[in-house]
């Protein structure tokens, strides 16, 4: 069953609330209306909404504060400010608060429909496009053109996945992967401001440093892997001593990659290509359960933040020279 799109409308003018409900009475949207901000915040704590529209002037609390609180507590929600008093200063304040858009009174039915259609498309795109990529695409589409960029690449994969899959029905395997592996680990990538590049079978690829780069890209990649490892240990403990558990290994590499949108007219995707991607994938393949293996460049970037042990010089497929490999034990 498809989850309905839930919309909250907060406006002390009942006619505005009724009008929006009337416009979408025949749609699959689930709409609730509120004439004050504080009751709306209480309701949204009980039941998160996909989209919230709020008037800027409410009788009990500033509408911008309402939307800012919602965005802090539910970062995936889209929030739109309804105002008849837009000023440049207020617009800048709204953007800095994470507001996704404006509806200026008086608005017509077509404008509301277009705004909600835009939200609907954006929500669907987020299922396939990393949130950071979508944000950059909307703001600065040209920045997603292929370019060289220093990044840290994280790969994770389940050890002995084929053997595990042979013991489960398709339904059991789907539940194990989606609820206990992909969902929690994908969210940890987002938490550390990484880009979820793709799922490759039972593998996950994350990019740190593109499309948005920070000085801490390598550090965040390692912090992400440590939290992933801890989360998997927690999940395995919750599943008990049954026949099924999720053994995971990690590989991280740092260096210059080609990042951007690649593909054909039929399908395109944002991804990274180059030596760091290949190296991270090969490090992940030789990692034992719970090991986080990193290359020398990653080690140099993070050695002051983590307890790391040098394993050995290794010869990896596709790489001519032996390389130094390090295992991340924990944060210092």
Protein backbone atom coordinates (compact mmCIF):
# COMPACT_ATOMS: atom_id res chain seq x y z
CA UNK A 1 0.00 0.00 0.00
CA UNK A 2 1.40 3.42 -1.01
CA UNK A 3 1.82 5.81 1.89
CA UNK A 4 -0.34 8.95 1.42
CA UNK A 5 1.40 12.31 1.26
CA UNK A 6 0.58 14.10 4.53
CA UNK A 7 0.24 17.88 4.43
CA UNK A 8 -0.23 20.28 7.35
CA UNK A 9 -1.63 23.78 6.76
CA UNK A 10 -1.18 26.33 9.56
CA UNK A 11 -3.07 29.61 9.12
CA UNK A 12 -5.35 31.57 11.44
CA UNK A 13 -7.51 32.51 8.45
CA UNK A 14 -9.94 29.61 8.26
CA UNK A 15 -10.79 30.53 4.68
CA UNK A 16 -7.18 29.78 3.64
CA UNK A 17 -7.21 26.37 5.33
CA UNK A 18 -10.59 25.50 3.83
CA UNK A 19 -9.53 26.66 0.40
CA UNK A 20 -6.44 24.46 0.32
CA UNK A 21 -8.43 21.46 1.55
CA UNK A 22 -11.05 22.11 -1.11
CA UNK A 23 -8.45 22.28 -3.88
CA UNK A 24 -7.15 18.81 -3.01
CA UNK A 25 -10.35 17.13 -1.89
CA UNK A 26 -10.17 14.62 -4.77
CA UNK A 27 -6.45 13.91 -4.43
CA UNK A 28 -4.64 11.25 -2.43
CA UNK A 29 -3.15 13.89 -0.14
CA UNK A 30 -3.96 13.66 3.56
CA UNK A 31 -4.41 17.25 4.80
CA UNK A 32 -4.79 18.56 8.37
CA UNK A 33 -5.34 22.22 9.22
CA UNK A 34 -4.44 24.30 12.27
CA UNK A 35 -5.22 27.90 13.23
CA UNK A 36 -2.35 28.15 15.74
CA UNK A 37 1.28 27.11 15.66
CA UNK A 38 1.77 25.44 19.04
CA UNK A 39 -1.02 22.85 18.61
CA UNK A 40 0.42 22.11 15.15
CA UNK A 41 3.88 21.49 16.62
CA UNK A 42 2.38 19.09 19.18
CA UNK A 43 0.53 17.23 16.44
CA UNK A 44 3.61 17.02 14.24
CA UNK A 45 5.57 15.46 17.09
CA UNK A 46 2.94 12.71 17.17
CA UNK A 47 2.64 12.29 13.41
CA UNK A 48 5.30 13.69 11.06
CA UNK A 49 4.13 15.33 7.83
CA UNK A 50 5.77 15.35 4.42
CA UNK A 51 4.87 18.98 3.69
CA UNK A 52 4.00 21.87 6.03
CA UNK A 53 2.63 25.23 4.90
CA UNK A 54 2.50 27.93 7.56
CA UNK A 55 1.43 31.55 7.60
CA UNK A 56 4.18 33.83 8.85
CA UNK A 57 1.78 35.60 11.26
CA UNK A 58 0.14 33.31 13.78
CA UNK A 59 -1.68 34.32 16.99
CA UNK A 60 0.60 32.34 19.35
CA UNK A 61 4.04 31.95 17.73
CA UNK A 62 5.98 33.25 14.73
CA UNK A 63 5.34 31.12 11.66
CA UNK A 64 9.01 31.10 10.69
CA UNK A 65 9.87 29.70 14.13
CA UNK A 66 7.26 26.96 13.64
CA UNK A 67 8.81 25.90 10.32
CA UNK A 68 12.36 26.14 11.71
CA UNK A 69 11.45 23.79 14.57
CA UNK A 70 9.83 21.35 12.16
CA UNK A 71 12.89 21.39 9.90
CA UNK A 72 15.20 20.74 12.85
CA UNK A 73 13.13 17.80 14.11
CA UNK A 74 12.10 16.44 10.69
CA UNK A 75 14.83 17.40 8.18
CA UNK A 76 13.18 15.41 5.36
CA UNK A 77 9.95 17.44 5.59
CA UNK A 78 9.38 20.20 3.05
CA UNK A 79 8.38 23.50 4.68
CA UNK A 80 6.77 26.43 2.87
CA UNK A 81 6.10 29.88 4.30
CA UNK A 82 2.81 31.61 3.46
CA UNK A 83 3.14 35.38 3.64
CA UNK A 84 1.56 38.57 2.43
CA UNK A 85 4.35 40.63 3.96
CA UNK A 86 7.47 39.36 2.21
CA UNK A 87 10.57 41.53 2.53
CA UNK A 88 14.15 40.94 1.45
CA UNK A 89 15.35 40.67 5.05
CA UNK A 90 12.63 38.17 5.88
CA UNK A 91 13.40 36.17 2.75
CA UNK A 92 17.09 35.94 3.68
CA UNK A 93 16.17 34.93 7.23
CA UNK A 94 13.87 32.24 5.86
CA UNK A 95 16.52 30.79 3.55
CA UNK A 96 19.03 30.71 6.41
CA UNK A 97 16.44 28.85 8.50
CA UNK A 98 16.11 26.11 5.90
CA UNK A 99 12.73 27.13 4.48
CA UNK A 100 12.09 25.38 1.15
CA UNK A 101 9.83 27.96 -0.49
CA UNK A 102 7.24 30.74 -0.33
CA UNK A 103 3.60 31.22 -1.17
CA UNK A 104 2.72 34.91 -1.29
CA UNK A 105 -0.83 36.01 -0.52
CA UNK A 106 -3.04 36.36 -2.38
CA UNK A 107 -2.27 33.13 -4.27
CA UNK A 108 -4.41 31.32 -6.81
CA UNK A 109 -5.33 27.65 -7.08
CA UNK A 110 -2.91 27.07 -9.94
CA UNK A 111 0.03 28.36 -7.89
CA UNK A 112 -0.77 26.02 -5.00
CA UNK A 113 -1.15 23.05 -7.32
CA UNK A 114 2.20 23.80 -8.98
CA UNK A 115 3.92 24.18 -5.60
CA UNK A 116 2.61 20.85 -4.36
CA UNK A 117 3.40 19.17 -7.67
CA UNK A 118 6.97 20.46 -7.30
CA UNK A 119 7.10 18.96 -3.81
CA UNK A 120 5.70 15.64 -5.07
CA UNK A 121 8.34 15.39 -7.82
CA UNK A 122 11.09 16.34 -5.39
CA UNK A 123 9.94 13.72 -2.89
CA UNK A 124 9.98 11.00 -5.56
CA UNK A 125 13.41 12.10 -6.83
CA UNK A 126 14.82 11.73 -3.31
CA UNK A 127 14.18 8.00 -3.57
CA UNK A 128 16.70 7.81 -6.42
CA UNK A 129 18.95 10.87 -6.14
CA UNK A 130 21.06 11.65 -3.05
CA UNK A 131 19.55 14.58 -1.14
CA UNK A 132 22.77 16.58 -1.42
CA UNK A 133 22.85 16.10 -5.19
CA UNK A 134 19.23 17.16 -5.53
CA UNK A 135 19.88 20.29 -3.47
CA UNK A 136 22.91 21.22 -5.56
CA UNK A 137 21.01 20.48 -8.78
CA UNK A 138 18.22 22.86 -7.77
CA UNK A 139 20.59 25.65 -6.73
CA UNK A 140 23.64 25.31 -8.96
CA UNK A 141 23.03 22.72 -11.66
CA UNK A 142 26.30 23.51 -13.41
CA UNK A 143 28.29 22.40 -10.33
CA UNK A 144 27.25 18.83 -11.04
CA UNK A 145 29.10 18.71 -14.35
CA UNK A 146 32.00 16.18 -14.21
CA UNK A 147 35.07 17.60 -12.51
CA UNK A 148 38.13 16.45 -10.58
CA UNK A 149 37.56 16.59 -6.84
CA UNK A 150 39.38 15.23 -3.80
CA UNK A 151 36.96 12.89 -2.03
CA UNK A 152 36.86 10.04 0.44
CA UNK A 153 35.02 6.93 -0.78
CA UNK A 154 33.40 4.50 1.66
CA UNK A 155 32.37 0.96 0.74
CA UNK A 156 30.64 -1.51 3.01
CA UNK A 157 29.54 -5.04 2.22
CA UNK A 158 28.18 -8.12 4.00
CA UNK A 159 30.69 -10.95 4.50
CA UNK A 160 29.42 -14.29 3.15
CA UNK A 161 26.23 -12.81 1.76
CA UNK A 162 25.61 -15.66 -0.70
CA UNK A 163 25.62 -18.22 2.09
CA UNK A 164 23.27 -16.08 4.19
CA UNK A 165 20.86 -15.60 1.28
CA UNK A 166 20.63 -19.37 0.71
CA UNK A 167 19.16 -19.85 4.20
CA UNK A 168 16.35 -17.29 3.81
CA UNK A 169 13.19 -16.94 1.77
CA UNK A 170 13.04 -13.93 -0.58
CA UNK A 171 10.71 -12.17 1.86
CA UNK A 172 13.01 -12.81 4.82
CA UNK A 173 16.05 -11.68 2.85
CA UNK A 174 14.30 -8.49 1.74
CA UNK A 175 13.34 -7.66 5.32
CA UNK A 176 16.83 -8.38 6.61
CA UNK A 177 18.49 -6.15 4.02
CA UNK A 178 16.00 -3.29 3.87
CA UNK A 179 15.19 -2.88 7.58
CA UNK A 180 18.38 -4.04 9.27
CA UNK A 181 21.06 -3.02 6.81
CA UNK A 182 20.27 -0.54 4.04
CA UNK A 183 17.89 1.69 6.00
CA UNK A 184 20.02 2.24 9.13
CA UNK A 185 23.35 2.49 7.28
CA UNK A 186 22.00 4.84 4.59
CA UNK A 187 20.75 7.16 7.33
CA UNK A 188 24.16 7.14 9.00
CA UNK A 189 25.74 8.31 5.72
CA UNK A 190 23.24 11.18 5.60
CA UNK A 191 23.89 11.98 9.27
CA UNK A 192 27.58 12.50 8.50
CA UNK A 193 26.81 14.68 5.46
CA UNK A 194 27.89 12.04 2.99
CA UNK A 195 26.32 11.36 -0.40
CA UNK A 196 24.70 7.95 -0.76
CA UNK A 197 25.98 7.01 -4.20
CA UNK A 198 24.40 3.62 -4.75
CA UNK A 199 23.62 0.11 -3.52
CA UNK A 200 25.56 -2.55 -5.41
CA UNK A 201 24.01 -5.89 -4.52
CA UNK A 202 24.53 -6.00 -0.75
CA UNK A 203 27.19 -3.28 -0.94
CA UNK A 204 26.81 0.42 -0.14
CA UNK A 205 28.92 3.20 -1.66
CA UNK A 206 29.15 6.60 -0.02
CA UNK A 207 31.00 9.75 -1.14
CA UNK A 208 32.38 12.33 1.26
CA UNK A 209 33.47 15.57 -0.38
CA UNK A 210 31.12 15.81 -3.35
CA UNK A 211 29.02 17.51 -4.45
CA UNK A 212 29.69 19.50 -1.26
CA UNK A 213 33.20 19.45 0.18
CA UNK A 214 34.42 20.22 3.69
CA UNK A 215 37.86 20.13 5.30
CA UNK A 216 36.75 17.09 7.30
CA UNK A 217 35.72 14.77 4.45
CA UNK A 218 38.07 11.89 5.34
CA UNK A 219 37.37 12.25 9.05
CA UNK A 220 33.61 12.15 8.47
CA UNK A 221 33.98 9.05 6.30
CA UNK A 222 35.80 7.21 9.09
CA UNK A 223 33.37 8.46 11.75
CA UNK A 224 30.55 7.20 9.54
CA UNK A 225 32.14 3.75 9.22
CA UNK A 226 32.63 3.50 13.00
CA UNK A 227 29.01 4.41 13.66
CA UNK A 228 27.91 1.90 11.00
CA UNK A 229 29.98 -0.81 12.67
CA UNK A 230 28.48 0.02 16.07
CA UNK A 231 24.95 0.02 14.62
CA UNK A 232 25.42 -3.38 13.00
CA UNK A 233 26.74 -4.77 16.30
CA UNK A 234 23.61 -3.42 18.01
CA UNK A 235 21.35 -4.96 15.36
CA UNK A 236 23.11 -8.32 15.60
CA UNK A 237 22.70 -8.26 19.39
CA UNK A 238 18.99 -7.50 19.02
CA UNK A 239 18.54 -10.42 16.62
CA UNK A 240 19.99 -12.69 19.31
CA UNK A 241 21.82 -15.95 18.80
CA UNK A 242 19.77 -17.15 15.86
CA UNK A 243 21.12 -18.48 12.61
CA UNK A 244 21.06 -15.07 10.93
CA UNK A 245 23.42 -12.21 11.63
CA UNK A 246 24.99 -9.47 9.50
CA UNK A 247 28.81 -9.59 9.32
CA UNK A 248 30.11 -6.40 7.69
CA UNK A 249 33.49 -5.08 6.46
CA UNK A 250 34.49 -1.57 5.35
CA UNK A 251 36.97 0.07 2.98
CA UNK A 252 37.83 3.79 2.72
CA UNK A 253 40.11 5.54 0.25
CA UNK A 254 40.92 9.23 -0.27
CA UNK A 255 42.18 10.98 -3.40
CA UNK A 256 41.34 12.79 -6.63
CA UNK A 257 38.27 11.39 -8.40
CA UNK A 258 36.14 12.41 -11.33
CA UNK A 259 32.76 13.32 -9.83
CA UNK A 260 29.58 14.46 -11.54
CA UNK A 261 26.58 13.30 -13.51
CA UNK A 262 27.37 10.49 -15.95
CA UNK A 263 25.18 8.37 -18.21
CA UNK A 264 23.09 8.33 -21.34
CA UNK A 265 19.94 10.06 -22.48
CA UNK A 266 18.02 7.12 -20.99
CA UNK A 267 19.60 7.11 -17.54
CA UNK A 268 22.03 9.36 -15.71
CA UNK A 269 23.42 9.24 -12.19
CA UNK A 270 25.67 11.27 -9.94
CA UNK A 271 28.73 9.23 -9.01
CA UNK A 272 32.50 9.18 -8.57
CA UNK A 273 35.04 7.42 -10.78
CA UNK A 274 38.76 6.81 -10.54
CA UNK A 275 41.48 5.25 -8.43
CA UNK A 276 40.01 6.08 -4.98
CA UNK A 277 36.79 4.28 -5.91
CA UNK A 278 38.66 1.19 -7.08
CA UNK A 279 40.96 1.22 -4.06
CA UNK A 280 38.12 1.60 -1.55
CA UNK A 281 36.27 -1.31 -3.17
CA UNK A 282 39.35 -3.52 -3.00
CA UNK A 283 40.04 -2.61 0.62
CA UNK A 284 36.46 -3.51 1.48
CA UNK A 285 36.86 -6.90 -0.21
CA UNK A 286 39.86 -7.90 1.91
CA UNK A 287 38.40 -6.51 5.16
CA UNK A 288 37.39 -9.08 7.72
CA UNK A 289 34.21 -8.73 9.75
CA UNK A 290 34.19 -5.41 11.68
CA UNK A 291 37.40 -4.21 10.06
CA UNK A 292 37.55 -0.67 8.69
CA UNK A 293 40.50 -0.69 6.29
CA UNK A 294 41.85 2.63 5.06
CA UNK A 295 44.57 3.64 2.60
CA UNK A 296 47.65 5.70 3.41
CA UNK A 297 46.14 9.01 2.20
CA UNK A 298 43.12 8.50 4.45
CA UNK A 299 45.42 7.56 7.33
CA UNK A 300 47.44 10.76 6.93
CA UNK A 301 44.23 12.81 7.01
CA UNK A 302 42.75 11.15 10.13
CA UNK A 303 45.67 9.83 12.20
CA UNK A 304 45.24 12.56 14.85
CA UNK A 305 41.60 11.60 15.48
CA UNK A 306 41.51 7.79 15.56
CA UNK A 307 43.35 4.83 17.02
CA UNK A 308 44.72 3.04 13.97
CA UNK A 309 46.97 0.03 13.48
CA UNK A 310 49.06 -0.67 10.41
CA UNK A 311 48.29 -4.12 9.07
CA UNK A 312 50.84 -4.72 6.33
CA UNK A 313 51.90 -3.90 2.81
CA UNK A 314 49.44 -5.56 0.45
CA UNK A 315 49.23 -6.16 -3.27
CA UNK A 316 45.74 -5.47 -4.55
CA UNK A 317 44.27 -6.50 -7.88
CA UNK A 318 44.58 -3.78 -10.49
CA UNK A 319 47.14 -1.79 -8.47
CA UNK A 320 50.77 -2.20 -9.51
CA UNK A 321 52.60 -1.36 -6.28
CA UNK A 322 52.09 -2.75 -2.81
CA UNK A 323 50.28 -0.26 -0.59
CA UNK A 324 50.11 0.40 3.14
CA UNK A 325 46.82 -0.63 4.75
CA UNK A 326 45.57 0.47 8.16
CA UNK A 327 42.76 -0.82 10.37
CA UNK A 328 40.70 1.72 12.33
CA UNK A 329 40.22 0.57 15.92
CA UNK A 330 38.20 3.47 17.34
CA UNK A 331 38.17 7.21 17.94
CA UNK A 332 40.87 8.62 20.21
